[in-house]
Amino acid sequence: MTVPEAGRVYEVFARGRQRDALTHVGSVRAPDDGLARAYARTTYDEEPWAEMLAVPRDAVIPVLRPGGA
Protein backbone atom coordinates (compact mmCIF):
# COMPACT_ATOMS: atom_id res chain seq x y z
CA MET A 1 0.00 0.00 0.00
CA THR A 2 1.31 3.47 -0.88
CA VAL A 3 1.01 6.48 1.37
CA PRO A 4 -0.45 9.54 -0.41
CA GLU A 5 1.75 12.62 -0.39
CA ALA A 6 0.49 15.33 1.93
CA GLY A 7 0.31 18.98 1.12
CA ARG A 8 -0.09 21.25 -1.86
CA VAL A 9 2.08 21.58 -4.92
CA TYR A 10 3.81 24.97 -5.21
CA GLU A 11 5.33 26.25 -8.44
CA VAL A 12 8.66 27.99 -7.84
CA PHE A 13 9.81 31.04 -9.80
CA ALA A 14 13.09 32.92 -9.43
CA ARG A 15 15.28 35.60 -10.97
CA GLY A 16 19.06 35.87 -10.82
CA ARG A 17 19.19 39.66 -11.00
CA GLN A 18 16.50 42.15 -10.15
CA ARG A 19 16.18 43.25 -13.79
CA ASP A 20 15.77 39.65 -15.05
CA ALA A 21 12.38 38.15 -15.78
CA LEU A 22 10.96 35.60 -13.36
CA THR A 23 11.63 32.06 -14.57
CA HIS A 24 9.89 28.86 -13.55
CA VAL A 25 12.57 26.75 -11.85
CA GLY A 26 10.47 23.83 -10.63
CA SER A 27 7.96 22.78 -8.02
CA VAL A 28 7.80 21.50 -4.44
CA ARG A 29 5.12 19.77 -2.37
CA ALA A 30 4.59 21.07 1.16
CA PRO A 31 1.90 20.96 3.87
CA ASP A 32 1.93 24.75 4.34
CA ASP A 33 3.33 28.03 2.98
CA GLY A 34 6.17 28.20 5.52
CA LEU A 35 7.53 24.79 4.58
CA ALA A 36 7.02 25.58 0.89
CA ARG A 37 9.41 28.54 1.36
CA ALA A 38 11.96 26.34 3.10
CA TYR A 39 11.70 23.51 0.56
CA ALA A 40 11.97 25.90 -2.40
CA ARG A 41 15.01 27.65 -0.95
CA THR A 42 16.86 24.41 -0.18
CA THR A 43 15.80 22.57 -3.36
CA TYR A 44 16.71 25.35 -5.80
CA ASP A 45 19.77 26.82 -4.05
CA GLU A 46 22.15 26.28 -6.99
CA GLU A 47 22.02 29.98 -7.90
CA PRO A 48 22.41 33.16 -5.84
CA TRP A 49 18.84 34.24 -6.64
CA ALA A 50 17.84 37.90 -6.26
CA GLU A 51 14.20 36.83 -5.78
CA MET A 52 12.27 33.58 -5.43
CA LEU A 53 8.51 33.02 -5.25
CA ALA A 54 6.46 29.92 -4.44
CA VAL A 55 2.88 29.97 -5.74
CA PRO A 56 0.31 27.31 -4.87
CA ARG A 57 -0.44 25.50 -8.12
CA ASP A 58 -4.17 25.62 -7.44
CA ALA A 59 -3.96 29.46 -7.26
CA VAL A 60 -2.56 29.81 -10.79
CA ILE A 61 -5.13 31.19 -13.23
CA PRO A 62 -4.79 29.72 -16.74
CA VAL A 63 -4.95 32.35 -19.49
CA LEU A 64 -4.21 30.20 -22.55
CA ARG A 65 -4.04 26.42 -22.66
CA PRO A 66 -2.81 23.97 -25.29
CA GLY A 67 -5.68 23.05 -27.60
CA GLY A 68 -7.45 26.37 -27.14
CA ALA A 69 -9.45 25.40 -24.03
PDB file of N, CA and C in Angstrom:
ATOM      1  N   MET A   1       0.836  -1.169   0.000  1.00  0.00           N
ATOM      2  CA  MET A   1       0.000   0.000   0.000  1.00  0.00           C
ATOM      3  C   MET A   1       0.886   1.239   0.000  1.00  0.00           C
ATOM      4  N   THR A   2       0.544   2.235  -0.832  1.00  0.00           N
ATOM      5  CA  THR A   2       1.311   3.470  -0.884  1.00  0.00           C
ATOM      6  C   THR A   2       0.660   4.531  -0.013  1.00  0.00           C
ATOM      7  N   VAL A   3       1.493   5.387   0.542  1.00  0.00           N
ATOM      8  CA  VAL A   3       1.007   6.481   1.371  1.00  0.00           C
ATOM      9  C   VAL A   3       0.871   7.709   0.485  1.00  0.00           C
ATOM     10  N   PRO A   4      -0.307   8.354   0.435  1.00  0.00           N
ATOM     11  CA  PRO A   4      -0.454   9.542  -0.408  1.00  0.00           C
ATOM     12  C   PRO A   4       0.400  10.684   0.131  1.00  0.00           C
ATOM     13  N   GLU A   5       0.950  11.469  -0.785  1.00  0.00           N
ATOM     14  CA  GLU A   5       1.754  12.623  -0.389  1.00  0.00           C
ATOM     15  C   GLU A   5       0.850  13.699   0.179  1.00  0.00           C
ATOM     16  N   ALA A   6       1.281  14.272   1.283  1.00  0.00           N
ATOM     17  CA  ALA A   6       0.491  15.326   1.927  1.00  0.00           C
ATOM     18  C   ALA A   6       0.902  16.690   1.415  1.00  0.00           C
ATOM     19  N   GLY A   7      -0.018  17.598   1.440  1.00  0.00           N
ATOM     20  CA  GLY A   7       0.306  18.977   1.116  1.00  0.00           C
ATOM     21  C   GLY A   7      -0.090  19.379  -0.286  1.00  0.00           C
ATOM     22  N   ARG A   8       0.200  20.645  -0.557  1.00  0.00           N
ATOM     23  CA  ARG A   8      -0.088  21.253  -1.862  1.00  0.00           C
ATOM     24  C   ARG A   8       1.171  21.282  -2.704  1.00  0.00           C
ATOM     25  N   VAL A   9       0.962  21.381  -4.002  1.00  0.00           N
ATOM     26  CA  VAL A   9       2.078  21.580  -4.924  1.00  0.00           C
ATOM     27  C   VAL A   9       2.247  23.090  -5.118  1.00  0.00           C
ATOM     28  N   TYR A  10       3.466  23.564  -5.004  1.00  0.00           N
ATOM     29  CA  TYR A  10       3.814  24.965  -5.205  1.00  0.00           C
ATOM     30  C   TYR A  10       4.741  25.064  -6.398  1.00  0.00           C
ATOM     31  N   GLU A  11       4.451  25.966  -7.316  1.00  0.00           N
ATOM     32  CA  GLU A  11       5.328  26.251  -8.438  1.00  0.00           C
ATOM     33  C   GLU A  11       6.323  27.313  -7.978  1.00  0.00           C
ATOM     34  N   VAL A  12       7.597  27.109  -8.321  1.00  0.00           N
ATOM     35  CA  VAL A  12       8.661  27.990  -7.839  1.00  0.00           C
ATOM     36  C   VAL A  12       9.224  28.797  -9.001  1.00  0.00           C
ATOM     37  N   PHE A  13       9.285  30.106  -8.817  1.00  0.00           N
ATOM     38  CA  PHE A  13       9.805  31.043  -9.803  1.00  0.00           C
ATOM     39  C   PHE A  13      10.953  31.819  -9.168  1.00  0.00           C
ATOM     40  N   ALA A  14      11.961  32.164  -9.971  1.00  0.00           N
ATOM     41  CA  ALA A  14      13.092  32.917  -9.432  1.00  0.00           C
ATOM     42  C   ALA A  14      13.706  33.799 -10.514  1.00  0.00           C
ATOM     43  N   ARG A  15      14.502  34.769 -10.058  1.00  0.00           N
ATOM     44  CA  ARG A  15      15.282  35.604 -10.973  1.00  0.00           C
ATOM     45  C   ARG A  15      16.669  35.782 -10.373  1.00  0.00           C
ATOM     46  N   GLY A  16      17.672  35.752 -11.249  1.00  0.00           N
ATOM     47  CA  GLY A  16      19.055  35.873 -10.816  1.00  0.00           C
ATOM     48  C   GLY A  16      19.448  37.297 -10.474  1.00  0.00           C
ATOM     49  N   ARG A  17      18.950  38.234 -11.243  1.00  0.00           N
ATOM     50  CA  ARG A  17      19.191  39.659 -11.002  1.00  0.00           C
ATOM     51  C   ARG A  17      17.850  40.360 -10.988  1.00  0.00           C
ATOM     52  N   GLN A  18      17.777  41.461 -10.288  1.00  0.00           N
ATOM     53  CA  GLN A  18      16.496  42.155 -10.149  1.00  0.00           C
ATOM     54  C   GLN A  18      15.884  42.541 -11.494  1.00  0.00           C
ATOM     55  N   ARG A  19      16.705  42.834 -12.480  1.00  0.00           N
ATOM     56  CA  ARG A  19      16.176  43.247 -13.789  1.00  0.00           C
ATOM     57  C   ARG A  19      15.782  42.062 -14.676  1.00  0.00           C
ATOM     58  N   ASP A  20      16.125  40.846 -14.278  1.00  0.00           N
ATOM     59  CA  ASP A  20      15.773  39.652 -15.053  1.00  0.00           C
ATOM     60  C   ASP A  20      14.288  39.318 -14.889  1.00  0.00           C
ATOM     61  N   ALA A  21      13.753  38.636 -15.872  1.00  0.00           N
ATOM     62  CA  ALA A  21      12.376  38.145 -15.779  1.00  0.00           C
ATOM     63  C   ALA A  21      12.314  36.966 -14.813  1.00  0.00           C
ATOM     64  N   LEU A  22      11.162  36.788 -14.181  1.00  0.00           N
ATOM     65  CA  LEU A  22      10.956  35.596 -13.363  1.00  0.00           C
ATOM     66  C   LEU A  22      10.944  34.374 -14.272  1.00  0.00           C
ATOM     67  N   THR A  23      11.551  33.304 -13.814  1.00  0.00           N
ATOM     68  CA  THR A  23      11.630  32.063 -14.573  1.00  0.00           C
ATOM     69  C   THR A  23      11.127  30.925 -13.701  1.00  0.00           C
ATOM     70  N   HIS A  24      10.344  30.039 -14.286  1.00  0.00           N
ATOM     71  CA  HIS A  24       9.891  28.856 -13.555  1.00  0.00           C
ATOM     72  C   HIS A  24      11.082  27.934 -13.366  1.00  0.00           C
ATOM     73  N   VAL A  25      11.419  27.608 -12.109  1.00  0.00           N
ATOM     74  CA  VAL A  25      12.572  26.749 -11.845  1.00  0.00           C
ATOM     75  C   VAL A  25      12.187  25.359 -11.378  1.00  0.00           C
ATOM     76  N   GLY A  26      10.899  25.158 -11.046  1.00  0.00           N
ATOM     77  CA  GLY A  26      10.467  23.829 -10.631  1.00  0.00           C
ATOM     78  C   GLY A  26       9.284  23.896  -9.698  1.00  0.00           C
ATOM     79  N   SER A  27       9.072  22.828  -8.945  1.00  0.00           N
ATOM     80  CA  SER A  27       7.960  22.783  -8.016  1.00  0.00           C
ATOM     81  C   SER A  27       8.350  22.000  -6.774  1.00  0.00           C
ATOM     82  N   VAL A  28       7.617  22.238  -5.692  1.00  0.00           N
ATOM     83  CA  VAL A  28       7.804  21.502  -4.438  1.00  0.00           C
ATOM     84  C   VAL A  28       6.424  21.147  -3.902  1.00  0.00           C
ATOM     85  N   ARG A  29       6.366  20.140  -3.060  1.00  0.00           N
ATOM     86  CA  ARG A  29       5.125  19.771  -2.372  1.00  0.00           C
ATOM     87  C   ARG A  29       5.374  20.019  -0.892  1.00  0.00           C
ATOM     88  N   ALA A  30       4.428  20.733  -0.254  1.00  0.00           N
ATOM     89  CA  ALA A  30       4.587  21.070   1.160  1.00  0.00           C
ATOM     90  C   ALA A  30       3.222  21.150   1.838  1.00  0.00           C
ATOM     91  N   PRO A  31       3.169  20.901   3.150  1.00  0.00           N
ATOM     92  CA  PRO A  31       1.903  20.958   3.868  1.00  0.00           C
ATOM     93  C   PRO A  31       1.426  22.377   4.164  1.00  0.00           C
ATOM     94  N   ASP A  32       2.340  23.375   4.074  1.00  0.00           N
ATOM     95  CA  ASP A  32       1.927  24.754   4.342  1.00  0.00           C
ATOM     96  C   ASP A  32       2.905  25.719   3.666  1.00  0.00           C
ATOM     97  N   ASP A  33       2.529  27.013   3.671  1.00  0.00           N
ATOM     98  CA  ASP A  33       3.328  28.027   2.983  1.00  0.00           C
ATOM     99  C   ASP A  33       4.735  28.160   3.565  1.00  0.00           C
ATOM    100  N   GLY A  34       4.854  28.070   4.882  1.00  0.00           N
ATOM    101  CA  GLY A  34       6.166  28.203   5.518  1.00  0.00           C
ATOM    102  C   GLY A  34       7.130  27.115   5.077  1.00  0.00           C
ATOM    103  N   LEU A  35       6.660  25.881   5.039  1.00  0.00           N
ATOM    104  CA  LEU A  35       7.532  24.795   4.580  1.00  0.00           C
ATOM    105  C   LEU A  35       7.770  24.878   3.077  1.00  0.00           C
ATOM    106  N   ALA A  36       6.802  25.386   2.324  1.00  0.00           N
ATOM    107  CA  ALA A  36       7.024  25.584   0.888  1.00  0.00           C
ATOM    108  C   ALA A  36       8.195  26.533   0.671  1.00  0.00           C
ATOM    109  N   ARG A  37       8.277  27.611   1.459  1.00  0.00           N
ATOM    110  CA  ARG A  37       9.412  28.542   1.364  1.00  0.00           C
ATOM    111  C   ARG A  37      10.731  27.817   1.643  1.00  0.00           C
ATOM    112  N   ALA A  38      10.745  27.049   2.722  1.00  0.00           N
ATOM    113  CA  ALA A  38      11.963  26.337   3.103  1.00  0.00           C
ATOM    114  C   ALA A  38      12.361  25.304   2.052  1.00  0.00           C
ATOM    115  N   TYR A  39      11.395  24.529   1.563  1.00  0.00           N
ATOM    116  CA  TYR A  39      11.696  23.512   0.558  1.00  0.00           C
ATOM    117  C   TYR A  39      12.183  24.144  -0.742  1.00  0.00           C
ATOM    118  N   ALA A  40      11.548  25.232  -1.161  1.00  0.00           N
ATOM    119  CA  ALA A  40      11.966  25.905  -2.399  1.00  0.00           C
ATOM    120  C   ALA A  40      13.384  26.428  -2.270  1.00  0.00           C
ATOM    121  N   ARG A  41      13.672  27.072  -1.153  1.00  0.00           N
ATOM    122  CA  ARG A  41      15.007  27.646  -0.947  1.00  0.00           C
ATOM    123  C   ARG A  41      16.089  26.567  -0.940  1.00  0.00           C
ATOM    124  N   THR A  42      15.838  25.451  -0.259  1.00  0.00           N
ATOM    125  CA  THR A  42      16.861  24.411  -0.185  1.00  0.00           C
ATOM    126  C   THR A  42      16.938  23.558  -1.453  1.00  0.00           C
ATOM    127  N   THR A  43      15.809  23.388  -2.147  1.00  0.00           N
ATOM    128  CA  THR A  43      15.803  22.569  -3.362  1.00  0.00           C
ATOM    129  C   THR A  43      16.456  23.290  -4.537  1.00  0.00           C
ATOM    130  N   TYR A  44      16.231  24.594  -4.641  1.00  0.00           N
ATOM    131  CA  TYR A  44      16.710  25.355  -5.803  1.00  0.00           C
ATOM    132  C   TYR A  44      17.774  26.370  -5.383  1.00  0.00           C
ATOM    133  N   ASP A  45      18.731  25.930  -4.574  1.00  0.00           N
ATOM    134  CA  ASP A  45      19.769  26.824  -4.054  1.00  0.00           C
ATOM    135  C   ASP A  45      21.035  26.864  -4.909  1.00  0.00           C
ATOM    136  N   GLU A  46      20.956  26.348  -6.139  1.00  0.00           N
ATOM    137  CA  GLU A  46      22.153  26.280  -6.995  1.00  0.00           C
ATOM    138  C   GLU A  46      22.579  27.640  -7.531  1.00  0.00           C
ATOM    139  N   GLU A  47      21.723  28.630  -7.416  1.00  0.00           N
ATOM    140  CA  GLU A  47      22.019  29.980  -7.903  1.00  0.00           C
ATOM    141  C   GLU A  47      21.904  30.971  -6.752  1.00  0.00           C
ATOM    142  N   PRO A  48      22.613  32.089  -6.825  1.00  0.00           N
ATOM    143  CA  PRO A  48      22.409  33.155  -5.836  1.00  0.00           C
ATOM    144  C   PRO A  48      21.242  34.046  -6.278  1.00  0.00           C
ATOM    145  N   TRP A  49      20.023  33.557  -6.135  1.00  0.00           N
ATOM    146  CA  TRP A  49      18.841  34.242  -6.638  1.00  0.00           C
ATOM    147  C   TRP A  49      18.644  35.606  -5.988  1.00  0.00           C
ATOM    148  N   ALA A  50      18.212  36.585  -6.782  1.00  0.00           N
ATOM    149  CA  ALA A  50      17.836  37.901  -6.261  1.00  0.00           C
ATOM    150  C   ALA A  50      16.428  37.846  -5.682  1.00  0.00           C
ATOM    151  N   GLU A  51      15.582  36.963  -6.239  1.00  0.00           N
ATOM    152  CA  GLU A  51      14.199  36.834  -5.782  1.00  0.00           C
ATOM    153  C   GLU A  51      13.700  35.434  -6.098  1.00  0.00           C
ATOM    154  N   MET A  52      12.883  34.898  -5.208  1.00  0.00           N
ATOM    155  CA  MET A  52      12.273  33.583  -5.427  1.00  0.00           C
ATOM    156  C   MET A  52      10.847  33.632  -4.885  1.00  0.00           C
ATOM    157  N   LEU A  53       9.911  33.066  -5.637  1.00  0.00           N
ATOM    158  CA  LEU A  53       8.506  33.025  -5.247  1.00  0.00           C
ATOM    159  C   LEU A  53       8.004  31.587  -5.333  1.00  0.00           C
ATOM    160  N   ALA A  54       7.137  31.217  -4.397  1.00  0.00           N
ATOM    161  CA  ALA A  54       6.458  29.924  -4.438  1.00  0.00           C
ATOM    162  C   ALA A  54       4.962  30.206  -4.484  1.00  0.00           C
ATOM    163  N   VAL A  55       4.303  29.705  -5.520  1.00  0.00           N
ATOM    164  CA  VAL A  55       2.881  29.970  -5.742  1.00  0.00           C
ATOM    165  C   VAL A  55       2.129  28.643  -5.690  1.00  0.00           C
ATOM    166  N   PRO A  56       1.086  28.547  -4.858  1.00  0.00           N
ATOM    167  CA  PRO A  56       0.306  27.308  -4.873  1.00  0.00           C
ATOM    168  C   PRO A  56      -0.223  27.041  -6.282  1.00  0.00           C
ATOM    169  N   ARG A  57      -0.007  25.834  -6.757  1.00  0.00           N
ATOM    170  CA  ARG A  57      -0.439  25.497  -8.120  1.00  0.00           C
ATOM    171  C   ARG A  57      -1.931  25.733  -8.308  1.00  0.00           C
ATOM    172  N   ASP A  58      -2.727  25.451  -7.290  1.00  0.00           N
ATOM    173  CA  ASP A  58      -4.169  25.623  -7.441  1.00  0.00           C
ATOM    174  C   ASP A  58      -4.598  27.095  -7.426  1.00  0.00           C
ATOM    175  N   ALA A  59      -3.660  28.025  -7.207  1.00  0.00           N
ATOM    176  CA  ALA A  59      -3.962  29.459  -7.258  1.00  0.00           C
ATOM    177  C   ALA A  59      -3.597  30.077  -8.607  1.00  0.00           C
ATOM    178  N   VAL A  60      -2.958  29.303  -9.469  1.00  0.00           N
ATOM    179  CA  VAL A  60      -2.563  29.806 -10.789  1.00  0.00           C
ATOM    180  C   VAL A  60      -3.804  29.862 -11.684  1.00  0.00           C
ATOM    181  N   ILE A  61      -3.976  30.992 -12.354  1.00  0.00           N
ATOM    182  CA  ILE A  61      -5.131  31.189 -13.232  1.00  0.00           C
ATOM    183  C   ILE A  61      -4.691  30.986 -14.679  1.00  0.00           C
ATOM    184  N   PRO A  62      -5.164  29.932 -15.349  1.00  0.00           N
ATOM    185  CA  PRO A  62      -4.794  29.723 -16.740  1.00  0.00           C
ATOM    186  C   PRO A  62      -5.346  30.850 -17.620  1.00  0.00           C
ATOM    187  N   VAL A  63      -4.535  31.324 -18.534  1.00  0.00           N
ATOM    188  CA  VAL A  63      -4.945  32.351 -19.487  1.00  0.00           C
ATOM    189  C   VAL A  63      -5.124  31.709 -20.860  1.00  0.00           C
ATOM    190  N   LEU A  64      -4.144  30.981 -21.305  1.00  0.00           N
ATOM    191  CA  LEU A  64      -4.208  30.197 -22.545  1.00  0.00           C
ATOM    192  C   LEU A  64      -3.787  28.785 -22.229  1.00  0.00           C
ATOM    193  N   ARG A  65      -4.400  27.820 -22.871  1.00  0.00           N
ATOM    194  CA  ARG A  65      -4.037  26.415 -22.661  1.00  0.00           C
ATOM    195  C   ARG A  65      -3.810  25.763 -24.013  1.00  0.00           C
ATOM    196  N   PRO A  66      -2.980  24.719 -24.051  1.00  0.00           N
ATOM    197  CA  PRO A  66      -2.808  23.968 -25.289  1.00  0.00           C
ATOM    198  C   PRO A  66      -4.170  23.441 -25.775  1.00  0.00           C
ATOM    199  N   GLY A  67      -4.419  23.523 -27.044  1.00  0.00           N
ATOM    200  CA  GLY A  67      -5.680  23.047 -27.598  1.00  0.00           C
ATOM    201  C   GLY A  67      -6.784  24.080 -27.577  1.00  0.00           C
ATOM    202  N   GLY A  68      -6.489  25.293 -27.104  1.00  0.00           N
ATOM    203  CA  GLY A  68      -7.448  26.372 -27.137  1.00  0.00           C
ATOM    204  C   GLY A  68      -8.507  26.367 -26.062  1.00  0.00           C
ATOM    205  N   ALA A  69      -8.426  25.471 -25.107  1.00  0.00           N
ATOM    206  CA  ALA A  69      -9.450  25.401 -24.034  1.00  0.00           C
ATOM    207  C   ALA A  69      -9.178  26.413 -22.953  1.00  0.00           C
TER     208      ALA A  69
END
